[in-house]
Amino acid sequence: MDTKKALTKILQFRDERDWKQFHTSKEIALALLIEAGELAEHFQWKTGEELKEHTKEKKQAISHELADVLYWLILLSHELKIDIEKAFSEKMKINASKYPIEDSYANNSKYNDKG
């Protein structure tokens, strides 16, 4: 995905509706959390086969919630002047350092919980 193209679409959508005035960093962050919550609702209280069936039946609705999360994430990074692609690359390098393959392979422990 080209986040710059996505940002252009997001800004056009927002600006055509004169919504910039409502989009403080705080409000965008809250919208991101709300959309992430709506995504999480698809998985709440479901296990095993029920979860598998729900995700299959509701794939389009789940994909739309993911898109909403991405929308707000891209807009927030723009408002905070953060290059999200660069931040992602940097964070993946940090994660690789925290979770070397030899310590992490098939192990879901947090990096600082090697007990």
PDB file of N, CA and C in Angstrom:
ATOM      1  N   MET A   1       0.839  -1.187   0.000  1.00  0.00           N
ATOM      2  CA  MET A   1       0.000   0.000   0.000  1.00  0.00           C
ATOM      3  C   MET A   1       0.881   1.248   0.000  1.00  0.00           C
ATOM      4  N   ASP A   2       0.485   2.209  -0.745  1.00  0.00           N
ATOM      5  CA  ASP A   2       1.180   3.489  -0.794  1.00  0.00           C
ATOM      6  C   ASP A   2       0.490   4.425   0.190  1.00  0.00           C
ATOM      7  N   THR A   3       1.117   4.641   1.345  1.00  0.00           N
ATOM      8  CA  THR A   3       0.478   5.471   2.368  1.00  0.00           C
ATOM      9  C   THR A   3       0.336   6.924   1.930  1.00  0.00           C
ATOM     10  N   LYS A   4       1.218   7.380   1.058  1.00  0.00           N
ATOM     11  CA  LYS A   4       1.107   8.765   0.577  1.00  0.00           C
ATOM     12  C   LYS A   4      -0.149   8.943  -0.279  1.00  0.00           C
ATOM     13  N   LYS A   5      -0.451   7.959  -1.109  1.00  0.00           N
ATOM     14  CA  LYS A   5      -1.684   8.013  -1.904  1.00  0.00           C
ATOM     15  C   LYS A   5      -2.911   7.910  -1.000  1.00  0.00           C
ATOM     16  N   ALA A   6      -2.810   7.041   0.000  1.00  0.00           N
ATOM     17  CA  ALA A   6      -3.921   6.904   0.952  1.00  0.00           C
ATOM     18  C   ALA A   6      -4.138   8.216   1.688  1.00  0.00           C
ATOM     19  N   LEU A   7      -3.061   8.863   2.115  1.00  0.00           N
ATOM     20  CA  LEU A   7      -3.178  10.146   2.802  1.00  0.00           C
ATOM     21  C   LEU A   7      -3.844  11.186   1.907  1.00  0.00           C
ATOM     22  N   THR A   8      -3.480  11.219   0.647  1.00  0.00           N
ATOM     23  CA  THR A   8      -4.096  12.161  -0.288  1.00  0.00           C
ATOM     24  C   THR A   8      -5.611  11.946  -0.337  1.00  0.00           C
ATOM     25  N   LYS A   9      -6.043  10.689  -0.396  1.00  0.00           N
ATOM     26  CA  LYS A   9      -7.485  10.374  -0.423  1.00  0.00           C
ATOM     27  C   LYS A   9      -8.152  10.772   0.884  1.00  0.00           C
ATOM     28  N   ILE A  10      -7.476  10.505   1.998  1.00  0.00           N
ATOM     29  CA  ILE A  10      -8.023  10.837   3.310  1.00  0.00           C
ATOM     30  C   ILE A  10      -8.202  12.346   3.449  1.00  0.00           C
ATOM     31  N   LEU A  11      -7.169  13.096   3.081  1.00  0.00           N
ATOM     32  CA  LEU A  11      -7.240  14.554   3.204  1.00  0.00           C
ATOM     33  C   LEU A  11      -8.306  15.138   2.287  1.00  0.00           C
ATOM     34  N   GLN A  12      -8.418  14.597   1.077  1.00  0.00           N
ATOM     35  CA  GLN A  12      -9.454  15.065   0.153  1.00  0.00           C
ATOM     36  C   GLN A  12     -10.836  14.800   0.741  1.00  0.00           C
ATOM     37  N   PHE A  13     -11.041  13.589   1.239  1.00  0.00           N
ATOM     38  CA  PHE A  13     -12.322  13.211   1.846  1.00  0.00           C
ATOM     39  C   PHE A  13     -12.655  14.152   3.007  1.00  0.00           C
ATOM     40  N   ARG A  14     -11.673  14.359   3.890  1.00  0.00           N
ATOM     41  CA  ARG A  14     -11.870  15.219   5.060  1.00  0.00           C
ATOM     42  C   ARG A  14     -12.140  16.668   4.651  1.00  0.00           C
ATOM     43  N   ASP A  15     -11.312  17.176   3.751  1.00  0.00           N
ATOM     44  CA  ASP A  15     -11.404  18.590   3.389  1.00  0.00           C
ATOM     45  C   ASP A  15     -12.675  18.911   2.607  1.00  0.00           C
ATOM     46  N   GLU A  16     -13.161  17.980   1.799  1.00  0.00           N
ATOM     47  CA  GLU A  16     -14.417  18.187   1.071  1.00  0.00           C
ATOM     48  C   GLU A  16     -15.595  18.358   2.036  1.00  0.00           C
ATOM     49  N   ARG A  17     -15.442  17.843   3.240  1.00  0.00           N
ATOM     50  CA  ARG A  17     -16.502  17.902   4.250  1.00  0.00           C
ATOM     51  C   ARG A  17     -16.241  18.964   5.318  1.00  0.00           C
ATOM     52  N   ASP A  18     -15.123  19.688   5.176  1.00  0.00           N
ATOM     53  CA  ASP A  18     -14.729  20.718   6.139  1.00  0.00           C
ATOM     54  C   ASP A  18     -14.655  20.144   7.559  1.00  0.00           C
ATOM     55  N   TRP A  19     -14.003  18.994   7.685  1.00  0.00           N
ATOM     56  CA  TRP A  19     -13.884  18.340   8.988  1.00  0.00           C
ATOM     57  C   TRP A  19     -12.554  18.610   9.680  1.00  0.00           C
ATOM     58  N   LYS A  20     -11.615  19.254   9.009  1.00  0.00           N
ATOM     59  CA  LYS A  20     -10.302  19.497   9.621  1.00  0.00           C
ATOM     60  C   LYS A  20     -10.448  20.190  10.969  1.00  0.00           C
ATOM     61  N   GLN A  21     -11.413  21.078  11.077  1.00  0.00           N
ATOM     62  CA  GLN A  21     -11.636  21.813  12.312  1.00  0.00           C
ATOM     63  C   GLN A  21     -11.929  20.901  13.505  1.00  0.00           C
ATOM     64  N   PHE A  22     -12.391  19.700  13.250  1.00  0.00           N
ATOM     65  CA  PHE A  22     -12.714  18.751  14.321  1.00  0.00           C
ATOM     66  C   PHE A  22     -11.578  17.765  14.600  1.00  0.00           C
ATOM     67  N   HIS A  23     -10.550  17.791  13.763  1.00  0.00           N
ATOM     68  CA  HIS A  23      -9.524  16.759  13.797  1.00  0.00           C
ATOM     69  C   HIS A  23      -8.256  17.196  14.523  1.00  0.00           C
ATOM     70  N   THR A  24      -8.394  17.414  15.813  1.00  0.00           N
ATOM     71  CA  THR A  24      -7.197  17.625  16.628  1.00  0.00           C
ATOM     72  C   THR A  24      -6.531  16.264  16.824  1.00  0.00           C
ATOM     73  N   SER A  25      -5.294  16.275  17.227  1.00  0.00           N
ATOM     74  CA  SER A  25      -4.594  14.998  17.466  1.00  0.00           C
ATOM     75  C   SER A  25      -5.338  14.155  18.494  1.00  0.00           C
ATOM     76  N   LYS A  26      -5.867  14.811  19.520  1.00  0.00           N
ATOM     77  CA  LYS A  26      -6.618  14.080  20.551  1.00  0.00           C
ATOM     78  C   LYS A  26      -7.842  13.400  19.958  1.00  0.00           C
ATOM     79  N   GLU A  27      -8.612  14.140  19.173  1.00  0.00           N
ATOM     80  CA  GLU A  27      -9.835  13.575  18.591  1.00  0.00           C
ATOM     81  C   GLU A  27      -9.523  12.443  17.615  1.00  0.00           C
ATOM     82  N   ILE A  28      -8.458  12.609  16.862  1.00  0.00           N
ATOM     83  CA  ILE A  28      -8.063  11.554  15.918  1.00  0.00           C
ATOM     84  C   ILE A  28      -7.629  10.306  16.687  1.00  0.00           C
ATOM     85  N   ALA A  29      -6.850  10.496  17.757  1.00  0.00           N
ATOM     86  CA  ALA A  29      -6.414   9.346  18.565  1.00  0.00           C
ATOM     87  C   ALA A  29      -7.612   8.632  19.175  1.00  0.00           C
ATOM     88  N   LEU A  30      -8.586   9.386  19.647  1.00  0.00           N
ATOM     89  CA  LEU A  30      -9.788   8.765  20.211  1.00  0.00           C
ATOM     90  C   LEU A  30     -10.565   8.007  19.144  1.00  0.00           C
ATOM     91  N   ALA A  31     -10.680   8.587  17.949  1.00  0.00           N
ATOM     92  CA  ALA A  31     -11.370   7.904  16.851  1.00  0.00           C
ATOM     93  C   ALA A  31     -10.653   6.601  16.500  1.00  0.00           C
ATOM     94  N   LEU A  32      -9.322   6.636  16.516  1.00  0.00           N
ATOM     95  CA  LEU A  32      -8.535   5.436  16.247  1.00  0.00           C
ATOM     96  C   LEU A  32      -8.844   4.353  17.283  1.00  0.00           C
ATOM     97  N   LEU A  33      -8.892   4.737  18.553  1.00  0.00           N
ATOM     98  CA  LEU A  33      -9.206   3.769  19.607  1.00  0.00           C
ATOM     99  C   LEU A  33     -10.620   3.218  19.470  1.00  0.00           C
ATOM    100  N   ILE A  34     -11.554   4.076  19.126  1.00  0.00           N
ATOM    101  CA  ILE A  34     -12.940   3.632  18.963  1.00  0.00           C
ATOM    102  C   ILE A  34     -13.047   2.630  17.821  1.00  0.00           C
ATOM    103  N   GLU A  35     -12.399   2.928  16.708  1.00  0.00           N
ATOM    104  CA  GLU A  35     -12.434   1.999  15.576  1.00  0.00           C
ATOM    105  C   GLU A  35     -11.732   0.685  15.913  1.00  0.00           C
ATOM    106  N   ALA A  36     -10.631   0.764  16.654  1.00  0.00           N
ATOM    107  CA  ALA A  36      -9.944  -0.466  17.078  1.00  0.00           C
ATOM    108  C   ALA A  36     -10.862  -1.284  17.991  1.00  0.00           C
ATOM    109  N   GLY A  37     -11.636  -0.601  18.816  1.00  0.00           N
ATOM    110  CA  GLY A  37     -12.608  -1.292  19.664  1.00  0.00           C
ATOM    111  C   GLY A  37     -13.691  -1.976  18.850  1.00  0.00           C
ATOM    112  N   GLU A  38     -14.166  -1.289  17.812  1.00  0.00           N
ATOM    113  CA  GLU A  38     -15.167  -1.901  16.938  1.00  0.00           C
ATOM    114  C   GLU A  38     -14.607  -3.123  16.229  1.00  0.00           C
ATOM    115  N   LEU A  39     -13.350  -3.072  15.872  1.00  0.00           N
ATOM    116  CA  LEU A  39     -12.686  -4.245  15.293  1.00  0.00           C
ATOM    117  C   LEU A  39     -12.620  -5.373  16.315  1.00  0.00           C
ATOM    118  N   ALA A  40     -12.222  -5.032  17.537  1.00  0.00           N
ATOM    119  CA  ALA A  40     -12.075  -6.043  18.593  1.00  0.00           C
ATOM    120  C   ALA A  40     -13.407  -6.723  18.923  1.00  0.00           C
ATOM    121  N   GLU A  41     -14.508  -5.996  18.778  1.00  0.00           N
ATOM    122  CA  GLU A  41     -15.824  -6.573  19.064  1.00  0.00           C
ATOM    123  C   GLU A  41     -16.111  -7.809  18.217  1.00  0.00           C
ATOM    124  N   HIS A  42     -15.529  -7.864  17.035  1.00  0.00           N
ATOM    125  CA  HIS A  42     -15.745  -9.034  16.181  1.00  0.00           C
ATOM    126  C   HIS A  42     -15.150 -10.300  16.790  1.00  0.00           C
ATOM    127  N   PHE A  43     -14.201 -10.157  17.675  1.00  0.00           N
ATOM    128  CA  PHE A  43     -13.494 -11.305  18.229  1.00  0.00           C
ATOM    129  C   PHE A  43     -13.865 -11.587  19.687  1.00  0.00           C
ATOM    130  N   GLN A  44     -14.481 -10.615  20.319  1.00  0.00           N
ATOM    131  CA  GLN A  44     -14.806 -10.735  21.739  1.00  0.00           C
ATOM    132  C   GLN A  44     -15.794 -11.870  21.980  1.00  0.00           C
ATOM    133  N   TRP A  45     -15.487 -12.667  22.985  1.00  0.00           N
ATOM    134  CA  TRP A  45     -16.320 -13.750  23.484  1.00  0.00           C
ATOM    135  C   TRP A  45     -16.471 -14.923  22.516  1.00  0.00           C
ATOM    136  N   LYS A  46     -15.688 -14.940  21.483  1.00  0.00           N
ATOM    137  CA  LYS A  46     -15.763 -16.057  20.537  1.00  0.00           C
ATOM    138  C   LYS A  46     -14.484 -16.876  20.617  1.00  0.00           C
ATOM    139  N   THR A  47     -14.625 -18.167  20.512  1.00  0.00           N
ATOM    140  CA  THR A  47     -13.455 -19.038  20.528  1.00  0.00           C
ATOM    141  C   THR A  47     -13.624 -20.137  19.489  1.00  0.00           C
ATOM    142  N   GLY A  48     -12.528 -20.773  19.215  1.00  0.00           N
ATOM    143  CA  GLY A  48     -12.519 -21.960  18.374  1.00  0.00           C
ATOM    144  C   GLY A  48     -13.294 -21.831  17.088  1.00  0.00           C
ATOM    145  N   GLU A  49     -14.188 -22.786  16.892  1.00  0.00           N
ATOM    146  CA  GLU A  49     -14.951 -22.889  15.653  1.00  0.00           C
ATOM    147  C   GLU A  49     -15.873 -21.683  15.456  1.00  0.00           C
ATOM    148  N   GLU A  50     -16.444 -21.192  16.545  1.00  0.00           N
ATOM    149  CA  GLU A  50     -17.322 -20.025  16.459  1.00  0.00           C
ATOM    150  C   GLU A  50     -16.550 -18.810  15.925  1.00  0.00           C
ATOM    151  N   LEU A  51     -15.343 -18.625  16.404  1.00  0.00           N
ATOM    152  CA  LEU A  51     -14.508 -17.514  15.946  1.00  0.00           C
ATOM    153  C   LEU A  51     -14.156 -17.679  14.472  1.00  0.00           C
ATOM    154  N   LYS A  52     -13.802 -18.904  14.107  1.00  0.00           N
ATOM    155  CA  LYS A  52     -13.465 -19.183  12.711  1.00  0.00           C
ATOM    156  C   LYS A  52     -14.643 -18.882  11.791  1.00  0.00           C
ATOM    157  N   GLU A  53     -15.818 -19.315  12.194  1.00  0.00           N
ATOM    158  CA  GLU A  53     -17.022 -19.115  11.386  1.00  0.00           C
ATOM    159  C   GLU A  53     -17.378 -17.626  11.310  1.00  0.00           C
ATOM    160  N   HIS A  54     -17.277 -16.947  12.439  1.00  0.00           N
ATOM    161  CA  HIS A  54     -17.606 -15.516  12.462  1.00  0.00           C
ATOM    162  C   HIS A  54     -16.676 -14.724  11.543  1.00  0.00           C
ATOM    163  N   THR A  55     -15.380 -14.995  11.625  1.00  0.00           N
ATOM    164  CA  THR A  55     -14.441 -14.246  10.794  1.00  0.00           C
ATOM    165  C   THR A  55     -14.657 -14.541   9.306  1.00  0.00           C
ATOM    166  N   LYS A  56     -15.099 -15.747   9.023  1.00  0.00           N
ATOM    167  CA  LYS A  56     -15.402 -16.092   7.633  1.00  0.00           C
ATOM    168  C   LYS A  56     -16.666 -15.360   7.166  1.00  0.00           C
ATOM    169  N   GLU A  57     -17.709 -15.396   7.984  1.00  0.00           N
ATOM    170  CA  GLU A  57     -18.977 -14.763   7.630  1.00  0.00           C
ATOM    171  C   GLU A  57     -18.880 -13.239   7.601  1.00  0.00           C
ATOM    172  N   LYS A  58     -18.074 -12.676   8.465  1.00  0.00           N
ATOM    173  CA  LYS A  58     -18.008 -11.223   8.634  1.00  0.00           C
ATOM    174  C   LYS A  58     -16.720 -10.623   8.075  1.00  0.00           C
ATOM    175  N   LYS A  59     -16.108 -11.321   7.141  1.00  0.00           N
ATOM    176  CA  LYS A  59     -14.822 -10.872   6.605  1.00  0.00           C
ATOM    177  C   LYS A  59     -14.902  -9.448   6.048  1.00  0.00           C
ATOM    178  N   GLN A  60     -15.949  -9.120   5.314  1.00  0.00           N
ATOM    179  CA  GLN A  60     -16.051  -7.785   4.741  1.00  0.00           C
ATOM    180  C   GLN A  60     -16.211  -6.737   5.837  1.00  0.00           C
ATOM    181  N   ALA A  61     -17.039  -6.990   6.833  1.00  0.00           N
ATOM    182  CA  ALA A  61     -17.224  -6.043   7.935  1.00  0.00           C
ATOM    183  C   ALA A  61     -15.913  -5.858   8.708  1.00  0.00           C
ATOM    184  N   ILE A  62     -15.201  -6.943   8.927  1.00  0.00           N
ATOM    185  CA  ILE A  62     -13.908  -6.872   9.610  1.00  0.00           C
ATOM    186  C   ILE A  62     -12.919  -6.078   8.767  1.00  0.00           C
ATOM    187  N   SER A  63     -12.928  -6.303   7.460  1.00  0.00           N
ATOM    188  CA  SER A  63     -12.011  -5.562   6.586  1.00  0.00           C
ATOM    189  C   SER A  63     -12.319  -4.064   6.620  1.00  0.00           C
ATOM    190  N   HIS A  64     -13.593  -3.708   6.735  1.00  0.00           N
ATOM    191  CA  HIS A  64     -13.961  -2.297   6.805  1.00  0.00           C
ATOM    192  C   HIS A  64     -13.496  -1.675   8.123  1.00  0.00           C
ATOM    193  N   GLU A  65     -13.569  -2.441   9.214  1.00  0.00           N
ATOM    194  CA  GLU A  65     -13.063  -1.932  10.504  1.00  0.00           C
ATOM    195  C   GLU A  65     -11.544  -1.745  10.444  1.00  0.00           C
ATOM    196  N   LEU A  66     -10.861  -2.683   9.819  1.00  0.00           N
ATOM    197  CA  LEU A  66      -9.410  -2.534   9.641  1.00  0.00           C
ATOM    198  C   LEU A  66      -9.095  -1.282   8.823  1.00  0.00           C
ATOM    199  N   ALA A  67      -9.879  -1.044   7.788  1.00  0.00           N
ATOM    200  CA  ALA A  67      -9.680   0.145   6.959  1.00  0.00           C
ATOM    201  C   ALA A  67      -9.920   1.421   7.766  1.00  0.00           C
ATOM    202  N   ASP A  68     -10.922   1.409   8.644  1.00  0.00           N
ATOM    203  CA  ASP A  68     -11.174   2.567   9.500  1.00  0.00           C
ATOM    204  C   ASP A  68      -9.991   2.832  10.426  1.00  0.00           C
ATOM    205  N   VAL A  69      -9.433   1.773  10.997  1.00  0.00           N
ATOM    206  CA  VAL A  69      -8.252   1.917  11.865  1.00  0.00           C
ATOM    207  C   VAL A  69      -7.100   2.516  11.064  1.00  0.00           C
ATOM    208  N   LEU A  70      -6.886   1.997   9.871  1.00  0.00           N
ATOM    209  CA  LEU A  70      -5.805   2.494   9.023  1.00  0.00           C
ATOM    210  C   LEU A  70      -6.019   3.959   8.659  1.00  0.00           C
ATOM    211  N   TYR A  71      -7.244   4.338   8.343  1.00  0.00           N
ATOM    212  CA  TYR A  71      -7.595   5.725   8.023  1.00  0.00           C
ATOM    213  C   TYR A  71      -7.124   6.657   9.143  1.00  0.00           C
ATOM    214  N   TRP A  72      -7.532   6.346  10.368  1.00  0.00           N
ATOM    215  CA  TRP A  72      -7.192   7.218  11.498  1.00  0.00           C
ATOM    216  C   TRP A  72      -5.707   7.170  11.822  1.00  0.00           C
ATOM    217  N   LEU A  73      -5.083   6.038  11.658  1.00  0.00           N
ATOM    218  CA  LEU A  73      -3.644   5.916  11.903  1.00  0.00           C
ATOM    219  C   LEU A  73      -2.851   6.794  10.930  1.00  0.00           C
ATOM    220  N   ILE A  74      -3.208   6.725   9.673  1.00  0.00           N
ATOM    221  CA  ILE A  74      -2.517   7.538   8.661  1.00  0.00           C
ATOM    222  C   ILE A  74      -2.772   9.025   8.913  1.00  0.00           C
ATOM    223  N   LEU A  75      -4.005   9.383   9.243  1.00  0.00           N
ATOM    224  CA  LEU A  75      -4.309  10.785   9.496  1.00  0.00           C
ATOM    225  C   LEU A  75      -3.580  11.298  10.745  1.00  0.00           C
ATOM    226  N   LEU A  76      -3.522  10.490  11.790  1.00  0.00           N
ATOM    227  CA  LEU A  76      -2.816  10.900  13.009  1.00  0.00           C
ATOM    228  C   LEU A  76      -1.328  11.082  12.749  1.00  0.00           C
ATOM    229  N   SER A  77      -0.738  10.174  12.011  1.00  0.00           N
ATOM    230  CA  SER A  77       0.690  10.317  11.702  1.00  0.00           C
ATOM    231  C   SER A  77       0.930  11.600  10.897  1.00  0.00           C
ATOM    232  N   HIS A  78       0.010  11.932  10.002  1.00  0.00           N
ATOM    233  CA  HIS A  78       0.121  13.174   9.231  1.00  0.00           C
ATOM    234  C   HIS A  78       0.034  14.385  10.156  1.00  0.00           C
ATOM    235  N   GLU A  79      -0.954  14.397  11.027  1.00  0.00           N
ATOM    236  CA  GLU A  79      -1.152  15.540  11.924  1.00  0.00           C
ATOM    237  C   GLU A  79       0.038  15.731  12.860  1.00  0.00           C
ATOM    238  N   LEU A  80       0.682  14.628  13.262  1.00  0.00           N
ATOM    239  CA  LEU A  80       1.834  14.699  14.169  1.00  0.00           C
ATOM    240  C   LEU A  80       3.153  14.829  13.413  1.00  0.00           C
ATOM    241  N   LYS A  81       3.052  14.878  12.082  1.00  0.00           N
ATOM    242  CA  LYS A  81       4.238  14.992  11.220  1.00  0.00           C
ATOM    243  C   LYS A  81       5.231  13.838  11.474  1.00  0.00           C
ATOM    244  N   ILE A  82       4.670  12.639  11.505  1.00  0.00           N
ATOM    245  CA  ILE A  82       5.455  11.416  11.676  1.00  0.00           C
ATOM    246  C   ILE A  82       5.392  10.639  10.367  1.00  0.00           C
ATOM    247  N   ASP A  83       6.552  10.301   9.844  1.00  0.00           N
ATOM    248  CA  ASP A  83       6.624   9.453   8.657  1.00  0.00           C
ATOM    249  C   ASP A  83       6.357   8.023   9.124  1.00  0.00           C
ATOM    250  N   ILE A  84       5.125   7.568   8.936  1.00  0.00           N
ATOM    251  CA  ILE A  84       4.706   6.280   9.484  1.00  0.00           C
ATOM    252  C   ILE A  84       5.471   5.115   8.868  1.00  0.00           C
ATOM    253  N   GLU A  85       5.839   5.215   7.592  1.00  0.00           N
ATOM    254  CA  GLU A  85       6.611   4.139   6.962  1.00  0.00           C
ATOM    255  C   GLU A  85       8.000   4.055   7.595  1.00  0.00           C
ATOM    256  N   LYS A  86       8.623   5.196   7.832  1.00  0.00           N
ATOM    257  CA  LYS A  86       9.934   5.223   8.478  1.00  0.00           C
ATOM    258  C   LYS A  86       9.824   4.724   9.921  1.00  0.00           C
ATOM    259  N   ALA A  87       8.804   5.184  10.632  1.00  0.00           N
ATOM    260  CA  ALA A  87       8.598   4.746  12.014  1.00  0.00           C
ATOM    261  C   ALA A  87       8.404   3.231  12.082  1.00  0.00           C
ATOM    262  N   PHE A  88       7.651   2.690  11.127  1.00  0.00           N
ATOM    263  CA  PHE A  88       7.418   1.245  11.084  1.00  0.00           C
ATOM    264  C   PHE A  88       8.734   0.496  10.867  1.00  0.00           C
ATOM    265  N   SER A  89       9.531   0.957   9.920  1.00  0.00           N
ATOM    266  CA  SER A  89      10.819   0.302   9.652  1.00  0.00           C
ATOM    267  C   SER A  89      11.724   0.343  10.878  1.00  0.00           C
ATOM    268  N   GLU A  90      11.784   1.502  11.527  1.00  0.00           N
ATOM    269  CA  GLU A  90      12.604   1.636  12.737  1.00  0.00           C
ATOM    270  C   GLU A  90      12.114   0.693  13.830  1.00  0.00           C
ATOM    271  N   LYS A  91      10.811   0.638  14.017  1.00  0.00           N
ATOM    272  CA  LYS A  91      10.245  -0.207  15.073  1.00  0.00           C
ATOM    273  C   LYS A  91      10.471  -1.688  14.787  1.00  0.00           C
ATOM    274  N   MET A  92      10.418  -2.092  13.534  1.00  0.00           N
ATOM    275  CA  MET A  92      10.680  -3.491  13.199  1.00  0.00           C
ATOM    276  C   MET A  92      12.122  -3.868  13.525  1.00  0.00           C
ATOM    277  N   LYS A  93      13.063  -2.935  13.319  1.00  0.00           N
ATOM    278  CA  LYS A  93      14.459  -3.187  13.688  1.00  0.00           C
ATOM    279  C   LYS A  93      14.592  -3.332  15.198  1.00  0.00           C
ATOM    280  N   ILE A  94      13.905  -2.481  15.942  1.00  0.00           N
ATOM    281  CA  ILE A  94      13.923  -2.578  17.407  1.00  0.00           C
ATOM    282  C   ILE A  94      13.345  -3.910  17.849  1.00  0.00           C
ATOM    283  N   ASN A  95      12.215  -4.302  17.248  1.00  0.00           N
ATOM    284  CA  ASN A  95      11.585  -5.582  17.592  1.00  0.00           C
ATOM    285  C   ASN A  95      12.503  -6.763  17.293  1.00  0.00           C
ATOM    286  N   ALA A  96      13.205  -6.701  16.164  1.00  0.00           N
ATOM    287  CA  ALA A  96      14.130  -7.786  15.815  1.00  0.00           C
ATOM    288  C   ALA A  96      15.237  -7.898  16.858  1.00  0.00           C
ATOM    289  N   SER A  97      15.663  -6.764  17.389  1.00  0.00           N
ATOM    290  CA  SER A  97      16.690  -6.764  18.424  1.00  0.00           C
ATOM    291  C   SER A  97      16.141  -7.310  19.747  1.00  0.00           C
ATOM    292  N   LYS A  98      14.925  -6.933  20.091  1.00  0.00           N
ATOM    293  CA  LYS A  98      14.288  -7.389  21.334  1.00  0.00           C
ATOM    294  C   LYS A  98      13.957  -8.876  21.285  1.00  0.00           C
ATOM    295  N   TYR A  99      13.609  -9.337  20.112  1.00  0.00           N
ATOM    296  CA  TYR A  99      13.144 -10.708  19.932  1.00  0.00           C
ATOM    297  C   TYR A  99      14.003 -11.453  18.919  1.00  0.00           C
ATOM    298  N   PRO A 100      15.267 -11.740  19.259  1.00  0.00           N
ATOM    299  CA  PRO A 100      16.093 -12.501  18.314  1.00  0.00           C
ATOM    300  C   PRO A 100      15.484 -13.892  18.093  1.00  0.00           C
ATOM    301  N   ILE A 101      15.637 -14.372  16.894  1.00  0.00           N
ATOM    302  CA  ILE A 101      15.021 -15.651  16.521  1.00  0.00           C
ATOM    303  C   ILE A 101      15.396 -16.761  17.484  1.00  0.00           C
ATOM    304  N   GLU A 102      16.677 -16.822  17.857  1.00  0.00           N
ATOM    305  CA  GLU A 102      17.119 -17.913  18.725  1.00  0.00           C
ATOM    306  C   GLU A 102      16.439 -17.906  20.097  1.00  0.00           C
ATOM    307  N   ASP A 103      15.989 -16.753  20.571  1.00  0.00           N
ATOM    308  CA  ASP A 103      15.297 -16.678  21.860  1.00  0.00           C
ATOM    309  C   ASP A 103      13.786 -16.696  21.714  1.00  0.00           C
ATOM    310  N   SER A 104      13.298 -16.387  20.540  1.00  0.00           N
ATOM    311  CA  SER A 104      11.877 -16.141  20.369  1.00  0.00           C
ATOM    312  C   SER A 104      11.135 -17.185  19.550  1.00  0.00           C
ATOM    313  N   TYR A 105      11.835 -18.013  18.837  1.00  0.00           N
ATOM    314  CA  TYR A 105      11.193 -18.975  17.942  1.00  0.00           C
ATOM    315  C   TYR A 105      10.230 -19.862  18.738  1.00  0.00           C
ATOM    316  N   ALA A 106       8.966 -19.852  18.343  1.00  0.00           N
ATOM    317  CA  ALA A 106       7.900 -20.653  18.966  1.00  0.00           C
ATOM    318  C   ALA A 106       7.751 -20.348  20.451  1.00  0.00           C
ATOM    319  N   ASN A 107       8.079 -19.118  20.859  1.00  0.00           N
ATOM    320  CA  ASN A 107       8.008 -18.711  22.253  1.00  0.00           C
ATOM    321  C   ASN A 107       7.277 -17.373  22.306  1.00  0.00           C
ATOM    322  N   ASN A 108       6.162 -17.309  23.009  1.00  0.00           N
ATOM    323  CA  ASN A 108       5.379 -16.080  23.028  1.00  0.00           C
ATOM    324  C   ASN A 108       5.644 -15.206  24.248  1.00  0.00           C
ATOM    325  N   SER A 109       6.728 -15.465  24.954  1.00  0.00           N
ATOM    326  CA  SER A 109       7.087 -14.641  26.113  1.00  0.00           C
ATOM    327  C   SER A 109       7.536 -13.254  25.678  1.00  0.00           C
ATOM    328  N   LYS A 110       7.222 -12.265  26.498  1.00  0.00           N
ATOM    329  CA  LYS A 110       7.688 -10.915  26.229  1.00  0.00           C
ATOM    330  C   LYS A 110       9.203 -10.871  26.416  1.00  0.00           C
ATOM    331  N   TYR A 111       9.860  -9.980  25.691  1.00  0.00           N
ATOM    332  CA  TYR A 111      11.327  -9.913  25.694  1.00  0.00           C
ATOM    333  C   TYR A 111      11.916  -9.726  27.088  1.00  0.00           C
ATOM    334  N   ASN A 112      11.214  -9.021  27.972  1.00  0.00           N
ATOM    335  CA  ASN A 112      11.757  -8.786  29.305  1.00  0.00           C
ATOM    336  C   ASN A 112      11.199  -9.771  30.334  1.00  0.00           C
ATOM    337  N   ASP A 113      10.590 -10.845  29.872  1.00  0.00           N
ATOM    338  CA  ASP A 113      10.012 -11.864  30.753  1.00  0.00           C
ATOM    339  C   ASP A 113      10.602 -13.226  30.418  1.00  0.00           C
ATOM    340  N   LYS A 114      11.917 -13.297  30.426  1.00  0.00           N
ATOM    341  CA  LYS A 114      12.594 -14.551  30.064  1.00  0.00           C
ATOM    342  C   LYS A 114      12.734 -15.482  31.266  1.00  0.00           C
ATOM    343  N   GLY A 115      12.212 -15.028  32.439  1.00  0.00           N
ATOM    344  CA  GLY A 115      12.159 -15.770  33.687  1.00  0.00           C
ATOM    345  C   GLY A 115      13.099 -16.850  33.795  1.00  0.00           C
TER     346      GLY A 115
END
